[in-house]
mmCIF file of all heavy atoms, coordinates in Angstrom:
data_MODEL
# 
_entry.id   MODEL 
# 
loop_
_atom_site.group_PDB 
_atom_site.id 
_atom_site.type_symbol 
_atom_site.label_atom_id 
_atom_site.label_alt_id 
_atom_site.label_comp_id 
_atom_site.label_asym_id 
_atom_site.label_entity_id 
_atom_site.label_seq_id 
_atom_site.pdbx_PDB_ins_code 
_atom_site.Cartn_x 
_atom_site.Cartn_y 
_atom_site.Cartn_z 
_atom_site.occupancy 
_atom_site.B_iso_or_equiv 
_atom_site.pdbx_formal_charge 
_atom_site.auth_seq_id 
_atom_site.auth_comp_id 
_atom_site.auth_asym_id 
_atom_site.auth_atom_id 
_atom_site.pdbx_PDB_model_num 
ATOM 1   N N   . GLN A 1 1  ? -10.575 9.151  16.616  1.00 0.00 ? 1  GLN A N   1 
ATOM 2   C CA  . GLN A 1 1  ? -9.350  8.795  15.901  1.00 0.00 ? 1  GLN A CA  1 
ATOM 3   C C   . GLN A 1 1  ? -9.594  7.711  14.841  1.00 0.00 ? 1  GLN A C   1 
ATOM 4   O O   . GLN A 1 1  ? -8.641  7.186  14.268  1.00 0.00 ? 1  GLN A O   1 
ATOM 5   C CB  . GLN A 1 1  ? -8.281  8.324  16.895  1.00 0.00 ? 1  GLN A CB  1 
ATOM 6   C CG  . GLN A 1 1  ? -7.955  9.340  17.995  1.00 0.00 ? 1  GLN A CG  1 
ATOM 7   C CD  . GLN A 1 1  ? -7.384  10.642 17.459  1.00 0.00 ? 1  GLN A CD  1 
ATOM 8   O OE1 . GLN A 1 1  ? -6.317  10.653 16.856  1.00 0.00 ? 1  GLN A OE1 1 
ATOM 9   N NE2 . GLN A 1 1  ? -8.099  11.743 17.652  1.00 0.00 ? 1  GLN A NE2 1 
ATOM 10  N N   . GLU A 1 2  ? -10.854 7.402  14.583  1.00 0.00 ? 2  GLU A N   1 
ATOM 11  C CA  . GLU A 1 2  ? -11.165 6.361  13.599  1.00 0.00 ? 2  GLU A CA  1 
ATOM 12  C C   . GLU A 1 2  ? -10.635 6.717  12.214  1.00 0.00 ? 2  GLU A C   1 
ATOM 13  O O   . GLU A 1 2  ? -10.253 5.845  11.446  1.00 0.00 ? 2  GLU A O   1 
ATOM 14  C CB  . GLU A 1 2  ? -12.676 6.132  13.534  1.00 0.00 ? 2  GLU A CB  1 
ATOM 15  C CG  . GLU A 1 2  ? -13.265 5.442  14.759  1.00 0.00 ? 2  GLU A CG  1 
ATOM 16  C CD  . GLU A 1 2  ? -14.751 5.203  14.622  1.00 0.00 ? 2  GLU A CD  1 
ATOM 17  O OE1 . GLU A 1 2  ? -15.281 5.377  13.499  1.00 0.00 ? 2  GLU A OE1 1 
ATOM 18  O OE2 . GLU A 1 2  ? -15.397 4.860  15.631  1.00 0.00 ? 2  GLU A OE2 1 
ATOM 19  N N   . CYS A 1 3  ? -10.619 8.009  11.900  1.00 0.00 ? 3  CYS A N   1 
ATOM 20  C CA  . CYS A 1 3  ? -10.182 8.440  10.569  1.00 0.00 ? 3  CYS A CA  1 
ATOM 21  C C   . CYS A 1 3  ? -8.735  8.035  10.309  1.00 0.00 ? 3  CYS A C   1 
ATOM 22  O O   . CYS A 1 3  ? -8.364  7.704  9.175   1.00 0.00 ? 3  CYS A O   1 
ATOM 23  C CB  . CYS A 1 3  ? -10.338 9.947  10.416  1.00 0.00 ? 3  CYS A CB  1 
ATOM 24  S SG  . CYS A 1 3  ? -9.470  10.926 11.684  1.00 0.00 ? 3  CYS A SG  1 
ATOM 25  N N   . ILE A 1 4  ? -7.916  8.038  11.360  1.00 0.00 ? 4  ILE A N   1 
ATOM 26  C CA  . ILE A 1 4  ? -6.513  7.644  11.209  1.00 0.00 ? 4  ILE A CA  1 
ATOM 27  C C   . ILE A 1 4  ? -6.421  6.201  10.742  1.00 0.00 ? 4  ILE A C   1 
ATOM 28  O O   . ILE A 1 4  ? -5.678  5.876  9.810   1.00 0.00 ? 4  ILE A O   1 
ATOM 29  C CB  . ILE A 1 4  ? -5.748  7.822  12.537  1.00 0.00 ? 4  ILE A CB  1 
ATOM 30  C CG1 . ILE A 1 4  ? -5.581  9.297  12.856  1.00 0.00 ? 4  ILE A CG1 1 
ATOM 31  C CG2 . ILE A 1 4  ? -4.382  7.137  12.471  1.00 0.00 ? 4  ILE A CG2 1 
ATOM 32  C CD1 . ILE A 1 4  ? -4.866  9.539  14.174  1.00 0.00 ? 4  ILE A CD1 1 
ATOM 33  N N   . GLU A 1 5  ? -7.186  5.331  11.388  1.00 0.00 ? 5  GLU A N   1 
ATOM 34  C CA  . GLU A 1 5  ? -7.125  3.909  11.055  1.00 0.00 ? 5  GLU A CA  1 
ATOM 35  C C   . GLU A 1 5  ? -7.661  3.644  9.656   1.00 0.00 ? 5  GLU A C   1 
ATOM 36  O O   . GLU A 1 5  ? -7.116  2.815  8.917   1.00 0.00 ? 5  GLU A O   1 
ATOM 37  C CB  . GLU A 1 5  ? -7.892  3.095  12.095  1.00 0.00 ? 5  GLU A CB  1 
ATOM 38  C CG  . GLU A 1 5  ? -7.921  1.590  11.830  1.00 0.00 ? 5  GLU A CG  1 
ATOM 39  C CD  . GLU A 1 5  ? -6.540  0.952  11.781  1.00 0.00 ? 5  GLU A CD  1 
ATOM 40  O OE1 . GLU A 1 5  ? -5.550  1.571  12.243  1.00 0.00 ? 5  GLU A OE1 1 
ATOM 41  O OE2 . GLU A 1 5  ? -6.439  -0.185 11.265  1.00 0.00 ? 5  GLU A OE2 1 
ATOM 42  N N   . ASP A 1 6  ? -8.706  4.352  9.267   1.00 0.00 ? 6  ASP A N   1 
ATOM 43  C CA  . ASP A 1 6  ? -9.260  4.178  7.917   1.00 0.00 ? 6  ASP A CA  1 
ATOM 44  C C   . ASP A 1 6  ? -8.211  4.498  6.859   1.00 0.00 ? 6  ASP A C   1 
ATOM 45  O O   . ASP A 1 6  ? -8.028  3.748  5.888   1.00 0.00 ? 6  ASP A O   1 
ATOM 46  C CB  . ASP A 1 6  ? -10.487 5.080  7.723   1.00 0.00 ? 6  ASP A CB  1 
ATOM 47  C CG  . ASP A 1 6  ? -11.673 4.636  8.573   1.00 0.00 ? 6  ASP A CG  1 
ATOM 48  O OD1 . ASP A 1 6  ? -11.673 3.481  9.039   1.00 0.00 ? 6  ASP A OD1 1 
ATOM 49  O OD2 . ASP A 1 6  ? -12.586 5.463  8.765   1.00 0.00 ? 6  ASP A OD2 1 
ATOM 50  N N   . MET A 1 7  ? -7.514  5.615  7.046   1.00 0.00 ? 7  MET A N   1 
ATOM 51  C CA  . MET A 1 7  ? -6.487  6.007  6.070   1.00 0.00 ? 7  MET A CA  1 
ATOM 52  C C   . MET A 1 7  ? -5.281  5.073  6.138   1.00 0.00 ? 7  MET A C   1 
ATOM 53  O O   . MET A 1 7  ? -4.698  4.724  5.109   1.00 0.00 ? 7  MET A O   1 
ATOM 54  C CB  . MET A 1 7  ? -6.084  7.465  6.298   1.00 0.00 ? 7  MET A CB  1 
ATOM 55  C CG  . MET A 1 7  ? -7.160  8.454  5.887   1.00 0.00 ? 7  MET A CG  1 
ATOM 56  S SD  . MET A 1 7  ? -6.646  10.197 5.981   1.00 0.00 ? 7  MET A SD  1 
ATOM 57  C CE  . MET A 1 7  ? -6.998  10.565 7.705   1.00 0.00 ? 7  MET A CE  1 
ATOM 58  N N   . ARG A 1 8  ? -4.922  4.668  7.353   1.00 0.00 ? 8  ARG A N   1 
ATOM 59  C CA  . ARG A 1 8  ? -3.782  3.761  7.511   1.00 0.00 ? 8  ARG A CA  1 
ATOM 60  C C   . ARG A 1 8  ? -4.016  2.461  6.748   1.00 0.00 ? 8  ARG A C   1 
ATOM 61  O O   . ARG A 1 8  ? -3.121  1.939  6.070   1.00 0.00 ? 8  ARG A O   1 
ATOM 62  C CB  . ARG A 1 8  ? -3.542  3.473  8.995   1.00 0.00 ? 8  ARG A CB  1 
ATOM 63  C CG  . ARG A 1 8  ? -2.223  2.755  9.286   1.00 0.00 ? 8  ARG A CG  1 
ATOM 64  C CD  . ARG A 1 8  ? -2.278  1.987  10.596  1.00 0.00 ? 8  ARG A CD  1 
ATOM 65  N NE  . ARG A 1 8  ? -3.229  0.880  10.525  1.00 0.00 ? 8  ARG A NE  1 
ATOM 66  C CZ  . ARG A 1 8  ? -2.986  -0.288 9.937   1.00 0.00 ? 8  ARG A CZ  1 
ATOM 67  N NH1 . ARG A 1 8  ? -1.824  -0.510 9.352   1.00 0.00 ? 8  ARG A NH1 1 
ATOM 68  N NH2 . ARG A 1 8  ? -3.909  -1.233 9.908   1.00 0.00 ? 8  ARG A NH2 1 
ATOM 69  N N   . GLN A 1 9  ? -5.227  1.927  6.855   1.00 0.00 ? 9  GLN A N   1 
ATOM 70  C CA  . GLN A 1 9  ? -5.541  0.679  6.151   1.00 0.00 ? 9  GLN A CA  1 
ATOM 71  C C   . GLN A 1 9  ? -5.445  0.860  4.638   1.00 0.00 ? 9  GLN A C   1 
ATOM 72  O O   . GLN A 1 9  ? -4.959  -0.028 3.932   1.00 0.00 ? 9  GLN A O   1 
ATOM 73  C CB  . GLN A 1 9  ? -6.933  0.192  6.552   1.00 0.00 ? 9  GLN A CB  1 
ATOM 74  C CG  . GLN A 1 9  ? -7.022  -0.340 7.967   1.00 0.00 ? 9  GLN A CG  1 
ATOM 75  C CD  . GLN A 1 9  ? -8.415  -0.849 8.321   1.00 0.00 ? 9  GLN A CD  1 
ATOM 76  O OE1 . GLN A 1 9  ? -9.269  -1.023 7.449   1.00 0.00 ? 9  GLN A OE1 1 
ATOM 77  N NE2 . GLN A 1 9  ? -8.656  -1.082 9.598   1.00 0.00 ? 9  GLN A NE2 1 
ATOM 78  N N   . ALA A 1 10 ? -5.901  2.000  4.155   1.00 0.00 ? 10 ALA A N   1 
ATOM 79  C CA  . ALA A 1 10 ? -5.809  2.263  2.711   1.00 0.00 ? 10 ALA A CA  1 
ATOM 80  C C   . ALA A 1 10 ? -4.348  2.332  2.268   1.00 0.00 ? 10 ALA A C   1 
ATOM 81  O O   . ALA A 1 10 ? -3.973  1.776  1.225   1.00 0.00 ? 10 ALA A O   1 
ATOM 82  C CB  . ALA A 1 10 ? -6.534  3.561  2.368   1.00 0.00 ? 10 ALA A CB  1 
ATOM 83  N N   . PHE A 1 11 ? -3.511  2.995  3.060   1.00 0.00 ? 11 PHE A N   1 
ATOM 84  C CA  . PHE A 1 11 ? -2.091  3.084  2.714   1.00 0.00 ? 11 PHE A CA  1 
ATOM 85  C C   . PHE A 1 11 ? -1.418  1.715  2.765   1.00 0.00 ? 11 PHE A C   1 
ATOM 86  O O   . PHE A 1 11 ? -0.549  1.413  1.942   1.00 0.00 ? 11 PHE A O   1 
ATOM 87  C CB  . PHE A 1 11 ? -1.373  4.057  3.647   1.00 0.00 ? 11 PHE A CB  1 
ATOM 88  C CG  . PHE A 1 11 ? -1.658  5.501  3.354   1.00 0.00 ? 11 PHE A CG  1 
ATOM 89  C CD1 . PHE A 1 11 ? -2.097  6.361  4.350   1.00 0.00 ? 11 PHE A CD1 1 
ATOM 90  C CD2 . PHE A 1 11 ? -1.482  6.013  2.072   1.00 0.00 ? 11 PHE A CD2 1 
ATOM 91  C CE1 . PHE A 1 11 ? -2.357  7.699  4.084   1.00 0.00 ? 11 PHE A CE1 1 
ATOM 92  C CE2 . PHE A 1 11 ? -1.745  7.345  1.784   1.00 0.00 ? 11 PHE A CE2 1 
ATOM 93  C CZ  . PHE A 1 11 ? -2.176  8.192  2.793   1.00 0.00 ? 11 PHE A CZ  1 
ATOM 94  N N   . GLU A 1 12 ? -1.822  0.878  3.702   1.00 0.00 ? 12 GLU A N   1 
ATOM 95  C CA  . GLU A 1 12 ? -1.227  -0.463 3.771   1.00 0.00 ? 12 GLU A CA  1 
ATOM 96  C C   . GLU A 1 12 ? -1.599  -1.283 2.533   1.00 0.00 ? 12 GLU A C   1 
ATOM 97  O O   . GLU A 1 12 ? -0.757  -1.987 1.969   1.00 0.00 ? 12 GLU A O   1 
ATOM 98  C CB  . GLU A 1 12 ? -1.688  -1.182 5.035   1.00 0.00 ? 12 GLU A CB  1 
ATOM 99  C CG  . GLU A 1 12 ? -1.010  -2.539 5.220   1.00 0.00 ? 12 GLU A CG  1 
ATOM 100 C CD  . GLU A 1 12 ? -1.259  -3.146 6.583   1.00 0.00 ? 12 GLU A CD  1 
ATOM 101 O OE1 . GLU A 1 12 ? -2.207  -2.720 7.278   1.00 0.00 ? 12 GLU A OE1 1 
ATOM 102 O OE2 . GLU A 1 12 ? -0.510  -4.061 6.968   1.00 0.00 ? 12 GLU A OE2 1 
ATOM 103 N N   . ARG A 1 13 ? -2.841  -1.170 2.107   1.00 0.00 ? 13 ARG A N   1 
ATOM 104 C CA  . ARG A 1 13 ? -3.267  -1.876 0.892   1.00 0.00 ? 13 ARG A CA  1 
ATOM 105 C C   . ARG A 1 13 ? -2.475  -1.380 -0.317  1.00 0.00 ? 13 ARG A C   1 
ATOM 106 O O   . ARG A 1 13 ? -2.020  -2.175 -1.152  1.00 0.00 ? 13 ARG A O   1 
ATOM 107 C CB  . ARG A 1 13 ? -4.769  -1.643 0.673   1.00 0.00 ? 13 ARG A CB  1 
ATOM 108 C CG  . ARG A 1 13 ? -5.336  -2.405 -0.530  1.00 0.00 ? 13 ARG A CG  1 
ATOM 109 C CD  . ARG A 1 13 ? -6.772  -2.028 -0.819  1.00 0.00 ? 13 ARG A CD  1 
ATOM 110 N NE  . ARG A 1 13 ? -6.889  -0.655 -1.309  1.00 0.00 ? 13 ARG A NE  1 
ATOM 111 C CZ  . ARG A 1 13 ? -7.478  0.330  -0.653  1.00 0.00 ? 13 ARG A CZ  1 
ATOM 112 N NH1 . ARG A 1 13 ? -7.980  0.116  0.561   1.00 0.00 ? 13 ARG A NH1 1 
ATOM 113 N NH2 . ARG A 1 13 ? -7.552  1.542  -1.178  1.00 0.00 ? 13 ARG A NH2 1 
ATOM 114 N N   . ARG A 1 14 ? -2.298  -0.080 -0.392  1.00 0.00 ? 14 ARG A N   1 
ATOM 115 C CA  . ARG A 1 14 ? -1.548  0.496  -1.507  1.00 0.00 ? 14 ARG A CA  1 
ATOM 116 C C   . ARG A 1 14 ? -0.081  0.085  -1.453  1.00 0.00 ? 14 ARG A C   1 
ATOM 117 O O   . ARG A 1 14 ? 0.546   -0.136 -2.495  1.00 0.00 ? 14 ARG A O   1 
ATOM 118 C CB  . ARG A 1 14 ? -1.675  2.019  -1.482  1.00 0.00 ? 14 ARG A CB  1 
ATOM 119 C CG  . ARG A 1 14 ? -3.089  2.520  -1.741  1.00 0.00 ? 14 ARG A CG  1 
ATOM 120 C CD  . ARG A 1 14 ? -3.184  3.997  -1.452  1.00 0.00 ? 14 ARG A CD  1 
ATOM 121 N NE  . ARG A 1 14 ? -4.520  4.524  -1.703  1.00 0.00 ? 14 ARG A NE  1 
ATOM 122 C CZ  . ARG A 1 14 ? -4.852  5.806  -1.546  1.00 0.00 ? 14 ARG A CZ  1 
ATOM 123 N NH1 . ARG A 1 14 ? -3.932  6.672  -1.140  1.00 0.00 ? 14 ARG A NH1 1 
ATOM 124 N NH2 . ARG A 1 14 ? -6.085  6.219  -1.791  1.00 0.00 ? 14 ARG A NH2 1 
ATOM 125 N N   . ARG A 1 15 ? 0.477   0.022  -0.242  1.00 0.00 ? 15 ARG A N   1 
ATOM 126 C CA  . ARG A 1 15 ? 1.857   -0.450 -0.088  1.00 0.00 ? 15 ARG A CA  1 
ATOM 127 C C   . ARG A 1 15 ? 2.012   -1.835 -0.680  1.00 0.00 ? 15 ARG A C   1 
ATOM 128 O O   . ARG A 1 15 ? 2.947   -2.106 -1.445  1.00 0.00 ? 15 ARG A O   1 
ATOM 129 C CB  . ARG A 1 15 ? 2.234   -0.448 1.394   1.00 0.00 ? 15 ARG A CB  1 
ATOM 130 C CG  . ARG A 1 15 ? 3.694   -0.793 1.740   1.00 0.00 ? 15 ARG A CG  1 
ATOM 131 C CD  . ARG A 1 15 ? 3.993   -2.288 1.843   1.00 0.00 ? 15 ARG A CD  1 
ATOM 132 N NE  . ARG A 1 15 ? 3.095   -3.024 2.698   1.00 0.00 ? 15 ARG A NE  1 
ATOM 133 C CZ  . ARG A 1 15 ? 3.318   -3.334 3.974   1.00 0.00 ? 15 ARG A CZ  1 
ATOM 134 N NH1 . ARG A 1 15 ? 4.422   -2.930 4.563   1.00 0.00 ? 15 ARG A NH1 1 
ATOM 135 N NH2 . ARG A 1 15 ? 2.432   -4.065 4.646   1.00 0.00 ? 15 ARG A NH2 1 
ATOM 136 N N   . ASP A 1 16 ? 1.098   -2.738 -0.323  1.00 0.00 ? 16 ASP A N   1 
ATOM 137 C CA  . ASP A 1 16 ? 1.184   -4.104 -0.833  1.00 0.00 ? 16 ASP A CA  1 
ATOM 138 C C   . ASP A 1 16 ? 1.074   -4.130 -2.353  1.00 0.00 ? 16 ASP A C   1 
ATOM 139 O O   . ASP A 1 16 ? 1.785   -4.890 -3.027  1.00 0.00 ? 16 ASP A O   1 
ATOM 140 C CB  . ASP A 1 16 ? 0.075   -4.958 -0.210  1.00 0.00 ? 16 ASP A CB  1 
ATOM 141 C CG  . ASP A 1 16 ? 0.274   -5.170 1.285   1.00 0.00 ? 16 ASP A CG  1 
ATOM 142 O OD1 . ASP A 1 16 ? 1.400   -4.965 1.772   1.00 0.00 ? 16 ASP A OD1 1 
ATOM 143 O OD2 . ASP A 1 16 ? -0.710  -5.540 1.963   1.00 0.00 ? 16 ASP A OD2 1 
ATOM 144 N N   . LEU A 1 17 ? 0.205   -3.291 -2.893  1.00 0.00 ? 17 LEU A N   1 
ATOM 145 C CA  . LEU A 1 17 ? -0.003  -3.248 -4.342  1.00 0.00 ? 17 LEU A CA  1 
ATOM 146 C C   . LEU A 1 17 ? 1.239   -2.746 -5.067  1.00 0.00 ? 17 LEU A C   1 
ATOM 147 O O   . LEU A 1 17 ? 1.701   -3.374 -6.029  1.00 0.00 ? 17 LEU A O   1 
ATOM 148 C CB  . LEU A 1 17 ? -1.204  -2.347 -4.662  1.00 0.00 ? 17 LEU A CB  1 
ATOM 149 C CG  . LEU A 1 17 ? -1.505  -2.108 -6.144  1.00 0.00 ? 17 LEU A CG  1 
ATOM 150 C CD1 . LEU A 1 17 ? -1.847  -3.421 -6.850  1.00 0.00 ? 17 LEU A CD1 1 
ATOM 151 C CD2 . LEU A 1 17 ? -2.647  -1.092 -6.296  1.00 0.00 ? 17 LEU A CD2 1 
ATOM 152 N N   . ILE A 1 18 ? 1.804   -1.638 -4.613  1.00 0.00 ? 18 ILE A N   1 
ATOM 153 C CA  . ILE A 1 18 ? 2.937   -1.057 -5.348  1.00 0.00 ? 18 ILE A CA  1 
ATOM 154 C C   . ILE A 1 18 ? 4.180   -1.927 -5.221  1.00 0.00 ? 18 ILE A C   1 
ATOM 155 O O   . ILE A 1 18 ? 4.962   -2.047 -6.165  1.00 0.00 ? 18 ILE A O   1 
ATOM 156 C CB  . ILE A 1 18 ? 3.209   0.398  -4.892  1.00 0.00 ? 18 ILE A CB  1 
ATOM 157 C CG1 . ILE A 1 18 ? 4.074   1.099  -5.946  1.00 0.00 ? 18 ILE A CG1 1 
ATOM 158 C CG2 . ILE A 1 18 ? 3.861   0.458  -3.511  1.00 0.00 ? 18 ILE A CG2 1 
ATOM 159 C CD1 . ILE A 1 18 ? 4.198   2.597  -5.747  1.00 0.00 ? 18 ILE A CD1 1 
ATOM 160 N N   . VAL A 1 19 ? 4.371   -2.579 -4.074  1.00 0.00 ? 19 VAL A N   1 
ATOM 161 C CA  . VAL A 1 19 ? 5.518   -3.482 -3.920  1.00 0.00 ? 19 VAL A CA  1 
ATOM 162 C C   . VAL A 1 19 ? 5.399   -4.641 -4.904  1.00 0.00 ? 19 VAL A C   1 
ATOM 163 O O   . VAL A 1 19 ? 6.362   -5.013 -5.582  1.00 0.00 ? 19 VAL A O   1 
ATOM 164 C CB  . VAL A 1 19 ? 5.631   -3.986 -2.469  1.00 0.00 ? 19 VAL A CB  1 
ATOM 165 C CG1 . VAL A 1 19 ? 6.607   -5.158 -2.381  1.00 0.00 ? 19 VAL A CG1 1 
ATOM 166 C CG2 . VAL A 1 19 ? 6.082   -2.861 -1.545  1.00 0.00 ? 19 VAL A CG2 1 
ATOM 167 N N   . GLU A 1 20 ? 4.212   -5.209 -5.002  1.00 0.00 ? 20 GLU A N   1 
ATOM 168 C CA  . GLU A 1 20 ? 3.988   -6.328 -5.925  1.00 0.00 ? 20 GLU A CA  1 
ATOM 169 C C   . GLU A 1 20 ? 4.281   -5.914 -7.365  1.00 0.00 ? 20 GLU A C   1 
ATOM 170 O O   . GLU A 1 20 ? 4.966   -6.640 -8.107  1.00 0.00 ? 20 GLU A O   1 
ATOM 171 C CB  . GLU A 1 20 ? 2.537   -6.804 -5.810  1.00 0.00 ? 20 GLU A CB  1 
ATOM 172 C CG  . GLU A 1 20 ? 2.172   -7.910 -6.791  1.00 0.00 ? 20 GLU A CG  1 
ATOM 173 C CD  . GLU A 1 20 ? 0.673   -8.222 -6.808  1.00 0.00 ? 20 GLU A CD  1 
ATOM 174 O OE1 . GLU A 1 20 ? -0.068  -7.660 -5.972  1.00 0.00 ? 20 GLU A OE1 1 
ATOM 175 O OE2 . GLU A 1 20 ? 0.252   -9.023 -7.666  1.00 0.00 ? 20 GLU A OE2 1 
ATOM 176 N N   . LEU A 1 21 ? 3.796   -4.742 -7.773  1.00 0.00 ? 21 LEU A N   1 
ATOM 177 C CA  . LEU A 1 21 ? 3.975   -4.301 -9.152  1.00 0.00 ? 21 LEU A CA  1 
ATOM 178 C C   . LEU A 1 21 ? 5.412   -3.860 -9.421  1.00 0.00 ? 21 LEU A C   1 
ATOM 179 O O   . LEU A 1 21 ? 5.952   -4.102 -10.507 1.00 0.00 ? 21 LEU A O   1 
ATOM 180 C CB  . LEU A 1 21 ? 3.006   -3.159 -9.451  1.00 0.00 ? 21 LEU A CB  1 
ATOM 181 C CG  . LEU A 1 21 ? 1.512   -3.536 -9.388  1.00 0.00 ? 21 LEU A CG  1 
ATOM 182 C CD1 . LEU A 1 21 ? 0.644   -2.306 -9.575  1.00 0.00 ? 21 LEU A CD1 1 
ATOM 183 C CD2 . LEU A 1 21 ? 1.177   -4.591 -10.441 1.00 0.00 ? 21 LEU A CD2 1 
ATOM 184 N N   . ALA A 1 22 ? 6.045   -3.230 -8.436  1.00 0.00 ? 22 ALA A N   1 
ATOM 185 C CA  . ALA A 1 22 ? 7.428   -2.763 -8.625  1.00 0.00 ? 22 ALA A CA  1 
ATOM 186 C C   . ALA A 1 22 ? 8.381   -3.933 -8.793  1.00 0.00 ? 22 ALA A C   1 
ATOM 187 O O   . ALA A 1 22 ? 9.383   -3.834 -9.521  1.00 0.00 ? 22 ALA A O   1 
ATOM 188 C CB  . ALA A 1 22 ? 7.845   -1.897 -7.444  1.00 0.00 ? 22 ALA A CB  1 
ATOM 189 N N   . ARG A 1 23 ? 8.100   -5.036 -8.120  1.00 0.00 ? 23 ARG A N   1 
ATOM 190 C CA  . ARG A 1 23 ? 8.963   -6.209 -8.230  1.00 0.00 ? 23 ARG A CA  1 
ATOM 191 C C   . ARG A 1 23 ? 8.862   -6.881 -9.594  1.00 0.00 ? 23 ARG A C   1 
ATOM 192 O O   . ARG A 1 23 ? 9.669   -7.753 -9.914  1.00 0.00 ? 23 ARG A O   1 
ATOM 193 C CB  . ARG A 1 23 ? 8.638   -7.192 -7.106  1.00 0.00 ? 23 ARG A CB  1 
ATOM 194 C CG  . ARG A 1 23 ? 9.162   -6.710 -5.749  1.00 0.00 ? 23 ARG A CG  1 
ATOM 195 C CD  . ARG A 1 23 ? 8.783   -7.608 -4.603  1.00 0.00 ? 23 ARG A CD  1 
ATOM 196 N NE  . ARG A 1 23 ? 9.461   -7.175 -3.372  1.00 0.00 ? 23 ARG A NE  1 
ATOM 197 C CZ  . ARG A 1 23 ? 9.160   -7.605 -2.152  1.00 0.00 ? 23 ARG A CZ  1 
ATOM 198 N NH1 . ARG A 1 23 ? 8.187   -8.488 -1.975  1.00 0.00 ? 23 ARG A NH1 1 
ATOM 199 N NH2 . ARG A 1 23 ? 9.815   -7.166 -1.095  1.00 0.00 ? 23 ARG A NH2 1 
ATOM 200 N N   . GLN A 1 24 ? 7.911   -6.452 -10.399 1.00 0.00 ? 24 GLN A N   1 
ATOM 201 C CA  . GLN A 1 24 ? 7.779   -6.985 -11.752 1.00 0.00 ? 24 GLN A CA  1 
ATOM 202 C C   . GLN A 1 24 ? 8.594   -6.190 -12.770 1.00 0.00 ? 24 GLN A C   1 
ATOM 203 O O   . GLN A 1 24 ? 8.640   -6.552 -13.941 1.00 0.00 ? 24 GLN A O   1 
ATOM 204 C CB  . GLN A 1 24 ? 6.298   -6.987 -12.156 1.00 0.00 ? 24 GLN A CB  1 
ATOM 205 C CG  . GLN A 1 24 ? 5.425   -7.899 -11.311 1.00 0.00 ? 24 GLN A CG  1 
ATOM 206 C CD  . GLN A 1 24 ? 3.945   -7.762 -11.630 1.00 0.00 ? 24 GLN A CD  1 
ATOM 207 O OE1 . GLN A 1 24 ? 3.573   -7.206 -12.675 1.00 0.00 ? 24 GLN A OE1 1 
ATOM 208 N NE2 . GLN A 1 24 ? 3.083   -8.253 -10.745 1.00 0.00 ? 24 GLN A NE2 1 
ATOM 209 N N   . ILE A 1 25 ? 9.219   -5.098 -12.329 1.00 0.00 ? 25 ILE A N   1 
ATOM 210 C CA  . ILE A 1 25 ? 10.019  -4.284 -13.245 1.00 0.00 ? 25 ILE A CA  1 
ATOM 211 C C   . ILE A 1 25 ? 11.462  -4.783 -13.224 1.00 0.00 ? 25 ILE A C   1 
ATOM 212 O O   . ILE A 1 25 ? 12.120  -4.720 -12.179 1.00 0.00 ? 25 ILE A O   1 
ATOM 213 C CB  . ILE A 1 25 ? 9.958   -2.789 -12.853 1.00 0.00 ? 25 ILE A CB  1 
ATOM 214 C CG1 . ILE A 1 25 ? 8.509   -2.291 -12.914 1.00 0.00 ? 25 ILE A CG1 1 
ATOM 215 C CG2 . ILE A 1 25 ? 10.857  -1.952 -13.777 1.00 0.00 ? 25 ILE A CG2 1 
ATOM 216 C CD1 . ILE A 1 25 ? 8.334   -0.856 -12.447 1.00 0.00 ? 25 ILE A CD1 1 
ATOM 217 N N   . PRO A 1 26 ? 11.954  -5.301 -14.332 1.00 0.00 ? 26 PRO A N   1 
ATOM 218 C CA  . PRO A 1 26 ? 13.331  -5.822 -14.369 1.00 0.00 ? 26 PRO A CA  1 
ATOM 219 C C   . PRO A 1 26 ? 14.342  -4.754 -13.953 1.00 0.00 ? 26 PRO A C   1 
ATOM 220 O O   . PRO A 1 26 ? 14.242  -3.595 -14.351 1.00 0.00 ? 26 PRO A O   1 
ATOM 221 C CB  . PRO A 1 26 ? 13.509  -6.219 -15.840 1.00 0.00 ? 26 PRO A CB  1 
ATOM 222 C CG  . PRO A 1 26 ? 12.118  -6.455 -16.339 1.00 0.00 ? 26 PRO A CG  1 
ATOM 223 C CD  . PRO A 1 26 ? 11.261  -5.468 -15.622 1.00 0.00 ? 26 PRO A CD  1 
ATOM 224 N N   . GLY A 1 27 ? 15.310  -5.162 -13.127 1.00 0.00 ? 27 GLY A N   1 
ATOM 225 C CA  . GLY A 1 27 ? 16.372  -4.245 -12.735 1.00 0.00 ? 27 GLY A CA  1 
ATOM 226 C C   . GLY A 1 27 ? 16.094  -3.435 -11.493 1.00 0.00 ? 27 GLY A C   1 
ATOM 227 O O   . GLY A 1 27 ? 17.008  -2.788 -10.962 1.00 0.00 ? 27 GLY A O   1 
# 
């Protein structure tokens, strides 16, 4: 089940990235 955790970590990193960038869009 290691593959699940590898992908989960990638999605968590991407979540943090998109939230940070989305909060920079006015409105």
